[in-house]
């Protein structure tokens, strides 16, 4: 019996995650004097961009449907 399995495991920290961790370390060690909103931006900004893209898509679909 052949029990060989091709298992692909994907994991790890993304680029934005590494950037966020770096910003947090820099903030806590005093190297940057940014607001916490900007320090944590790599974690929340992709969601804001996604939501903005969805809203713009719905607006454009609404405009296109007006001209049909």
PDB file of N, CA and C in Angstrom:
ATOM      1  N   UNK A   1       0.841  -1.165   0.000  1.00  0.00           N
ATOM      2  CA  UNK A   1       0.000   0.000   0.000  1.00  0.00           C
ATOM      3  C   UNK A   1       0.894   1.238   0.000  1.00  0.00           C
ATOM      4  N   UNK A   2       0.525   2.193  -0.821  1.00  0.00           N
ATOM      5  CA  UNK A   2       1.314   3.405  -0.962  1.00  0.00           C
ATOM      6  C   UNK A   2       0.702   4.504  -0.101  1.00  0.00           C
ATOM      7  N   UNK A   3       1.424   4.939   0.890  1.00  0.00           N
ATOM      8  CA  UNK A   3       0.934   5.968   1.799  1.00  0.00           C
ATOM      9  C   UNK A   3       1.597   7.318   1.571  1.00  0.00           C
ATOM     10  N   UNK A   4       2.192   7.494   0.395  1.00  0.00           N
ATOM     11  CA  UNK A   4       2.808   8.785   0.099  1.00  0.00           C
ATOM     12  C   UNK A   4       1.714   9.821  -0.130  1.00  0.00           C
ATOM     13  N   UNK A   5       1.867  10.945   0.514  1.00  0.00           N
ATOM     14  CA  UNK A   5       0.896  12.029   0.367  1.00  0.00           C
ATOM     15  C   UNK A   5       1.639  13.310   0.014  1.00  0.00           C
ATOM     16  N   UNK A   6       1.090  14.001  -0.927  1.00  0.00           N
ATOM     17  CA  UNK A   6       1.632  15.313  -1.274  1.00  0.00           C
ATOM     18  C   UNK A   6       0.851  16.356  -0.504  1.00  0.00           C
ATOM     19  N   UNK A   7       1.425  16.825   0.561  1.00  0.00           N
ATOM     20  CA  UNK A   7       0.763  17.791   1.411  1.00  0.00           C
ATOM     21  C   UNK A   7       1.507  19.115   1.272  1.00  0.00           C
ATOM     22  N   UNK A   8       0.759  20.129   0.892  1.00  0.00           N
ATOM     23  CA  UNK A   8       1.332  21.465   0.792  1.00  0.00           C
ATOM     24  C   UNK A   8       0.847  22.268   1.980  1.00  0.00           C
ATOM     25  N   UNK A   9       1.779  22.714   2.766  1.00  0.00           N
ATOM     26  CA  UNK A   9       1.443  23.511   3.934  1.00  0.00           C
ATOM     27  C   UNK A   9       1.907  24.934   3.664  1.00  0.00           C
ATOM     28  N   UNK A  10       0.970  25.833   3.702  1.00  0.00           N
ATOM     29  CA  UNK A  10       1.297  27.234   3.492  1.00  0.00           C
ATOM     30  C   UNK A  10       1.024  27.981   4.792  1.00  0.00           C
ATOM     31  N   UNK A  11       1.946  28.760   5.182  1.00  0.00           N
ATOM     32  CA  UNK A  11       1.752  29.499   6.424  1.00  0.00           C
ATOM     33  C   UNK A  11       2.858  30.503   6.609  1.00  0.00           C
ATOM     34  N   UNK A  12       2.782  31.197   7.676  1.00  0.00           N
ATOM     35  CA  UNK A  12       3.794  32.187   7.948  1.00  0.00           C
ATOM     36  C   UNK A  12       3.194  33.566   8.062  1.00  0.00           C
ATOM     37  N   UNK A  13       4.067  34.522   8.131  1.00  0.00           N
ATOM     38  CA  UNK A  13       3.658  35.900   8.322  1.00  0.00           C
ATOM     39  C   UNK A  13       3.742  36.614   6.980  1.00  0.00           C
ATOM     40  N   UNK A  14       2.727  37.399   6.681  1.00  0.00           N
ATOM     41  CA  UNK A  14       2.721  38.141   5.421  1.00  0.00           C
ATOM     42  C   UNK A  14       3.634  39.360   5.518  1.00  0.00           C
ATOM     43  N   UNK A  15       3.807  40.009   4.378  1.00  0.00           N
ATOM     44  CA  UNK A  15       4.641  41.213   4.347  1.00  0.00           C
ATOM     45  C   UNK A  15       4.054  42.302   5.224  1.00  0.00           C
ATOM     46  N   UNK A  16       2.732  42.473   5.156  1.00  0.00           N
ATOM     47  CA  UNK A  16       2.109  43.497   5.998  1.00  0.00           C
ATOM     48  C   UNK A  16       2.221  43.133   7.470  1.00  0.00           C
ATOM     49  N   UNK A  17       2.171  41.859   7.777  1.00  0.00           N
ATOM     50  CA  UNK A  17       2.344  41.425   9.162  1.00  0.00           C
ATOM     51  C   UNK A  17       3.737  41.735   9.684  1.00  0.00           C
ATOM     52  N   UNK A  18       4.746  41.466   8.855  1.00  0.00           N
ATOM     53  CA  UNK A  18       6.116  41.786   9.260  1.00  0.00           C
ATOM     54  C   UNK A  18       6.308  43.289   9.419  1.00  0.00           C
ATOM     55  N   UNK A  19       5.723  44.053   8.500  1.00  0.00           N
ATOM     56  CA  UNK A  19       5.820  45.500   8.590  1.00  0.00           C
ATOM     57  C   UNK A  19       5.140  46.014   9.862  1.00  0.00           C
ATOM     58  N   UNK A  20       3.977  45.451  10.176  1.00  0.00           N
ATOM     59  CA  UNK A  20       3.275  45.842  11.393  1.00  0.00           C
ATOM     60  C   UNK A  20       4.060  45.527  12.641  1.00  0.00           C
ATOM     61  N   UNK A  21       4.644  44.342  12.674  1.00  0.00           N
ATOM     62  CA  UNK A  21       5.457  43.951  13.830  1.00  0.00           C
ATOM     63  C   UNK A  21       6.673  44.874  13.959  1.00  0.00           C
ATOM     64  N   UNK A  22       7.295  45.199  12.827  1.00  0.00           N
ATOM     65  CA  UNK A  22       8.449  46.105  12.857  1.00  0.00           C
ATOM     66  C   UNK A  22       8.038  47.482  13.380  1.00  0.00           C
ATOM     67  N   UNK A  23       6.893  47.988  12.917  1.00  0.00           N
ATOM     68  CA  UNK A  23       6.429  49.294  13.394  1.00  0.00           C
ATOM     69  C   UNK A  23       6.142  49.276  14.894  1.00  0.00           C
ATOM     70  N   UNK A  24       5.546  48.194  15.372  1.00  0.00           N
ATOM     71  CA  UNK A  24       5.251  48.080  16.807  1.00  0.00           C
ATOM     72  C   UNK A  24       6.536  48.083  17.618  1.00  0.00           C
ATOM     73  N   UNK A  25       7.530  47.314  17.168  1.00  0.00           N
ATOM     74  CA  UNK A  25       8.811  47.266  17.880  1.00  0.00           C
ATOM     75  C   UNK A  25       9.469  48.649  17.879  1.00  0.00           C
ATOM     76  N   UNK A  26       9.446  49.316  16.723  1.00  0.00           N
ATOM     77  CA  UNK A  26      10.043  50.655  16.649  1.00  0.00           C
ATOM     78  C   UNK A  26       9.321  51.646  17.547  1.00  0.00           C
ATOM     79  N   UNK A  27       7.993  51.531  17.623  1.00  0.00           N
ATOM     80  CA  UNK A  27       7.215  52.428  18.489  1.00  0.00           C
ATOM     81  C   UNK A  27       7.529  52.167  19.966  1.00  0.00           C
ATOM     82  N   UNK A  28       7.571  50.911  20.345  1.00  0.00           N
ATOM     83  CA  UNK A  28       7.809  50.566  21.753  1.00  0.00           C
ATOM     84  C   UNK A  28       9.227  50.881  22.200  1.00  0.00           C
ATOM     85  N   UNK A  29      10.175  50.853  21.256  1.00  0.00           N
ATOM     86  CA  UNK A  29      11.553  51.182  21.627  1.00  0.00           C
ATOM     87  C   UNK A  29      11.851  52.665  21.498  1.00  0.00           C
ATOM     88  N   UNK A  30      10.886  53.443  20.989  1.00  0.00           N
ATOM     89  CA  UNK A  30      11.047  54.890  20.939  1.00  0.00           C
ATOM     90  C   UNK A  30      11.726  55.424  19.693  1.00  0.00           C
ATOM     91  N   UNK A  31      11.980  54.578  18.689  1.00  0.00           N
ATOM     92  CA  UNK A  31      12.629  55.050  17.465  1.00  0.00           C
ATOM     93  C   UNK A  31      11.697  55.858  16.577  1.00  0.00           C
ATOM     94  N   UNK A  32      10.403  55.599  16.654  1.00  0.00           N
ATOM     95  CA  UNK A  32       9.440  56.398  15.901  1.00  0.00           C
ATOM     96  C   UNK A  32       8.437  56.986  16.883  1.00  0.00           C
ATOM     97  N   UNK A  33       7.927  58.134  16.542  1.00  0.00           N
ATOM     98  CA  UNK A  33       6.998  58.833  17.425  1.00  0.00           C
ATOM     99  C   UNK A  33       5.644  59.005  16.721  1.00  0.00           C
ATOM    100  N   UNK A  34       5.218  57.960  16.033  1.00  0.00           N
ATOM    101  CA  UNK A  34       3.970  58.001  15.280  1.00  0.00           C
ATOM    102  C   UNK A  34       2.795  57.704  16.195  1.00  0.00           C
ATOM    103  N   UNK A  35       1.618  58.088  15.724  1.00  0.00           N
ATOM    104  CA  UNK A  35       0.382  57.715  16.403  1.00  0.00           C
ATOM    105  C   UNK A  35       0.196  56.197  16.270  1.00  0.00           C
ATOM    106  N   UNK A  36      -0.491  55.607  17.245  1.00  0.00           N
ATOM    107  CA  UNK A  36      -0.755  54.164  17.177  1.00  0.00           C
ATOM    108  C   UNK A  36      -1.618  53.801  15.969  1.00  0.00           C
ATOM    109  N   UNK A  37      -2.432  54.759  15.478  1.00  0.00           N
ATOM    110  CA  UNK A  37      -3.231  54.502  14.272  1.00  0.00           C
ATOM    111  C   UNK A  37      -2.324  54.167  13.098  1.00  0.00           C
ATOM    112  N   UNK A  38      -1.224  54.907  12.934  1.00  0.00           N
ATOM    113  CA  UNK A  38      -0.304  54.653  11.825  1.00  0.00           C
ATOM    114  C   UNK A  38       0.581  53.441  12.090  1.00  0.00           C
ATOM    115  N   UNK A  39       0.932  53.219  13.333  1.00  0.00           N
ATOM    116  CA  UNK A  39       1.746  52.047  13.662  1.00  0.00           C
ATOM    117  C   UNK A  39       0.982  50.762  13.330  1.00  0.00           C
ATOM    118  N   UNK A  40      -0.319  50.755  13.617  1.00  0.00           N
ATOM    119  CA  UNK A  40      -1.134  49.570  13.366  1.00  0.00           C
ATOM    120  C   UNK A  40      -1.772  49.555  11.975  1.00  0.00           C
ATOM    121  N   UNK A  41      -1.463  50.544  11.150  1.00  0.00           N
ATOM    122  CA  UNK A  41      -2.044  50.636   9.801  1.00  0.00           C
ATOM    123  C   UNK A  41      -1.799  49.399   8.931  1.00  0.00           C
ATOM    124  N   UNK A  42      -0.645  48.733   8.987  1.00  0.00           N
ATOM    125  CA  UNK A  42      -0.481  47.546   8.151  1.00  0.00           C
ATOM    126  C   UNK A  42      -1.493  46.437   8.461  1.00  0.00           C
ATOM    127  N   UNK A  43      -2.093  46.465   9.644  1.00  0.00           N
ATOM    128  CA  UNK A  43      -3.076  45.444   9.988  1.00  0.00           C
ATOM    129  C   UNK A  43      -4.486  45.809   9.538  1.00  0.00           C
ATOM    130  N   UNK A  44      -4.860  47.093   9.592  1.00  0.00           N
ATOM    131  CA  UNK A  44      -6.231  47.474   9.244  1.00  0.00           C
ATOM    132  C   UNK A  44      -6.367  48.073   7.854  1.00  0.00           C
ATOM    133  N   UNK A  45      -5.303  48.582   7.278  1.00  0.00           N
ATOM    134  CA  UNK A  45      -5.388  49.234   5.980  1.00  0.00           C
ATOM    135  C   UNK A  45      -5.811  48.296   4.843  1.00  0.00           C
ATOM    136  N   UNK A  46      -5.377  47.047   4.779  1.00  0.00           N
ATOM    137  CA  UNK A  46      -5.859  46.173   3.698  1.00  0.00           C
ATOM    138  C   UNK A  46      -7.380  45.993   3.712  1.00  0.00           C
ATOM    139  N   UNK A  47      -7.980  45.955   4.894  1.00  0.00           N
ATOM    140  CA  UNK A  47      -9.437  45.828   4.976  1.00  0.00           C
ATOM    141  C   UNK A  47     -10.131  47.084   4.478  1.00  0.00           C
ATOM    142  N   UNK A  48      -9.562  48.237   4.793  1.00  0.00           N
ATOM    143  CA  UNK A  48     -10.131  49.500   4.321  1.00  0.00           C
ATOM    144  C   UNK A  48     -10.053  49.573   2.798  1.00  0.00           C
ATOM    145  N   UNK A  49      -8.938  49.161   2.235  1.00  0.00           N
ATOM    146  CA  UNK A  49      -8.784  49.162   0.779  1.00  0.00           C
ATOM    147  C   UNK A  49      -9.765  48.184   0.137  1.00  0.00           C
ATOM    148  N   UNK A  50      -9.944  47.032   0.739  1.00  0.00           N
ATOM    149  CA  UNK A  50     -10.900  46.045   0.222  1.00  0.00           C
ATOM    150  C   UNK A  50     -12.316  46.593   0.240  1.00  0.00           C
ATOM    151  N   UNK A  51     -12.732  47.167   1.353  1.00  0.00           N
ATOM    152  CA  UNK A  51     -14.084  47.729   1.467  1.00  0.00           C
ATOM    153  C   UNK A  51     -14.276  48.871   0.471  1.00  0.00           C
ATOM    154  N   UNK A  52     -13.264  49.723   0.315  1.00  0.00           N
ATOM    155  CA  UNK A  52     -13.354  50.819  -0.650  1.00  0.00           C
ATOM    156  C   UNK A  52     -13.496  50.266  -2.065  1.00  0.00           C
ATOM    157  N   UNK A  53     -12.773  49.211  -2.372  1.00  0.00           N
ATOM    158  CA  UNK A  53     -12.882  48.588  -3.690  1.00  0.00           C
ATOM    159  C   UNK A  53     -14.264  48.016  -3.940  1.00  0.00           C
ATOM    160  N   UNK A  54     -14.846  47.391  -2.931  1.00  0.00           N
ATOM    161  CA  UNK A  54     -16.201  46.840  -3.067  1.00  0.00           C
ATOM    162  C   UNK A  54     -17.213  47.963  -3.274  1.00  0.00           C
ATOM    163  N   UNK A  55     -17.093  49.026  -2.511  1.00  0.00           N
ATOM    164  CA  UNK A  55     -18.020  50.151  -2.646  1.00  0.00           C
ATOM    165  C   UNK A  55     -17.894  50.789  -4.030  1.00  0.00           C
ATOM    166  N   UNK A  56     -16.670  50.996  -4.499  1.00  0.00           N
ATOM    167  CA  UNK A  56     -16.466  51.582  -5.825  1.00  0.00           C
ATOM    168  C   UNK A  56     -17.022  50.665  -6.910  1.00  0.00           C
ATOM    169  N   UNK A  57     -16.849  49.358  -6.742  1.00  0.00           N
ATOM    170  CA  UNK A  57     -17.396  48.407  -7.719  1.00  0.00           C
ATOM    171  C   UNK A  57     -18.909  48.499  -7.778  1.00  0.00           C
ATOM    172  N   UNK A  58     -19.574  48.549  -6.634  1.00  0.00           N
ATOM    173  CA  UNK A  58     -21.032  48.666  -6.624  1.00  0.00           C
ATOM    174  C   UNK A  58     -21.500  49.984  -7.239  1.00  0.00           C
ATOM    175  N   UNK A  59     -20.771  51.047  -6.968  1.00  0.00           N
ATOM    176  CA  UNK A  59     -21.129  52.340  -7.559  1.00  0.00           C
ATOM    177  C   UNK A  59     -20.985  52.278  -9.075  1.00  0.00           C
ATOM    178  N   UNK A  60     -19.882  51.727  -9.563  1.00  0.00           N
ATOM    179  CA  UNK A  60     -19.681  51.624 -11.006  1.00  0.00           C
ATOM    180  C   UNK A  60     -20.710  50.708 -11.659  1.00  0.00           C
ATOM    181  N   UNK A  61     -21.060  49.618 -11.002  1.00  0.00           N
ATOM    182  CA  UNK A  61     -22.097  48.729 -11.541  1.00  0.00           C
ATOM    183  C   UNK A  61     -23.442  49.438 -11.596  1.00  0.00           C
ATOM    184  N   UNK A  62     -23.721  50.266 -10.605  1.00  0.00           N
ATOM    185  CA  UNK A  62     -24.968  51.039 -10.615  1.00  0.00           C
ATOM    186  C   UNK A  62     -24.998  52.049 -11.741  1.00  0.00           C
ATOM    187  N   UNK A  63     -23.857  52.699 -11.992  1.00  0.00           N
ATOM    188  CA  UNK A  63     -23.799  53.676 -13.073  1.00  0.00           C
ATOM    189  C   UNK A  63     -23.944  52.997 -14.429  1.00  0.00           C
ATOM    190  N   UNK A  64     -23.281  51.860 -14.591  1.00  0.00           N
ATOM    191  CA  UNK A  64     -23.383  51.124 -15.864  1.00  0.00           C
ATOM    192  C   UNK A  64     -24.798  50.639 -16.105  1.00  0.00           C
ATOM    193  N   UNK A  65     -25.478  50.201 -15.050  1.00  0.00           N
ATOM    194  CA  UNK A  65     -26.841  49.705 -15.238  1.00  0.00           C
ATOM    195  C   UNK A  65     -27.812  50.824 -15.589  1.00  0.00           C
ATOM    196  N   UNK A  66     -27.489  52.074 -15.287  1.00  0.00           N
ATOM    197  CA  UNK A  66     -28.329  53.204 -15.676  1.00  0.00           C
ATOM    198  C   UNK A  66     -28.312  53.429 -17.193  1.00  0.00           C
ATOM    199  N   UNK A  67     -27.213  53.070 -17.837  1.00  0.00           N
ATOM    200  CA  UNK A  67     -27.059  53.310 -19.264  1.00  0.00           C
ATOM    201  C   UNK A  67     -27.461  52.113 -20.123  1.00  0.00           C
ATOM    202  N   UNK A  68     -28.000  51.084 -19.540  1.00  0.00           N
ATOM    203  CA  UNK A  68     -28.422  49.915 -20.322  1.00  0.00           C
ATOM    204  C   UNK A  68     -29.812  50.068 -20.835  1.00  0.00           C
TER     205      UNK A  68
END
